[in-house]
Amino acid sequence: MRVIPGAVIGWDMGAALALGAALGISPPAIAELLPAFEAVMVRRVNEQIAASRD
């Protein structure tokens, strides 16, 4: 993940592509699906970070 103090700003796409390849997922499929997954996961992780501050 790429982070700044108190928030996640994105995933390391190289690592995500390597993980997908290790799982046997084709690179075109990873490239197509990853942006949508990343957006949801970043939002959820940041919500959890914010909730833990309260």
Protein backbone atom coordinates (compact mmCIF):
# COMPACT_ATOMS: atom_id res chain seq x y z
CA MET A 1 0.00 0.00 0.00
CA ARG A 2 0.98 3.59 -0.46
CA VAL A 3 0.30 5.57 2.68
CA ILE A 4 0.61 9.02 4.18
CA PRO A 5 0.33 9.67 7.91
CA GLY A 6 -3.22 8.71 8.85
CA ALA A 7 -4.46 7.52 5.45
CA VAL A 8 -3.99 5.03 2.65
CA ILE A 9 -3.73 6.64 -0.79
CA GLY A 10 -3.42 3.56 -2.99
CA TRP A 11 -2.01 0.13 -3.60
CA ASP A 12 1.40 -0.78 -4.92
CA MET A 13 0.24 -1.89 -8.37
CA GLY A 14 3.44 -3.80 -9.11
CA ALA A 15 2.93 -5.90 -6.00
CA ALA A 16 -0.77 -6.35 -6.79
CA LEU A 17 0.04 -7.55 -10.32
CA ALA A 18 2.67 -9.95 -8.97
CA LEU A 19 0.22 -11.32 -6.40
CA GLY A 20 -2.43 -11.83 -9.07
CA ALA A 21 0.07 -13.60 -11.30
CA ALA A 22 1.11 -15.85 -8.40
CA LEU A 23 -2.57 -16.72 -7.95
CA GLY A 24 -2.83 -17.64 -11.64
CA ILE A 25 -4.94 -14.64 -12.69
CA SER A 26 -4.20 -13.32 -16.16
CA PRO A 27 -2.58 -9.87 -16.34
CA PRO A 28 -5.36 -8.41 -18.55
CA ALA A 29 -7.97 -9.52 -16.00
CA ILE A 30 -5.96 -8.02 -13.16
CA ALA A 31 -5.56 -4.74 -15.04
CA GLU A 32 -9.30 -4.62 -15.72
CA LEU A 33 -10.49 -5.43 -12.20
CA LEU A 34 -7.83 -3.93 -9.96
CA PRO A 35 -8.80 -0.24 -10.18
CA ALA A 36 -12.34 -0.94 -8.92
CA PHE A 37 -11.07 -3.15 -6.09
CA GLU A 38 -8.44 -0.61 -5.14
CA ALA A 39 -10.96 2.23 -4.87
CA VAL A 40 -13.23 0.25 -2.54
CA MET A 41 -10.41 -1.09 -0.38
CA VAL A 42 -8.75 2.31 0.02
CA ARG A 43 -12.07 3.85 1.03
CA ARG A 44 -12.80 1.07 3.56
CA VAL A 45 -9.33 1.13 5.11
CA ASN A 46 -9.51 4.92 5.48
CA GLU A 47 -12.95 4.59 7.11
CA GLN A 48 -11.48 2.11 9.62
CA ILE A 49 -8.55 4.43 10.32
CA ALA A 50 -10.94 7.34 10.93
CA ALA A 51 -13.17 5.22 13.19
CA SER A 52 -10.22 4.11 15.29
CA ARG A 53 -9.32 7.74 15.98
CA ASP A 54 -12.73 8.42 17.55
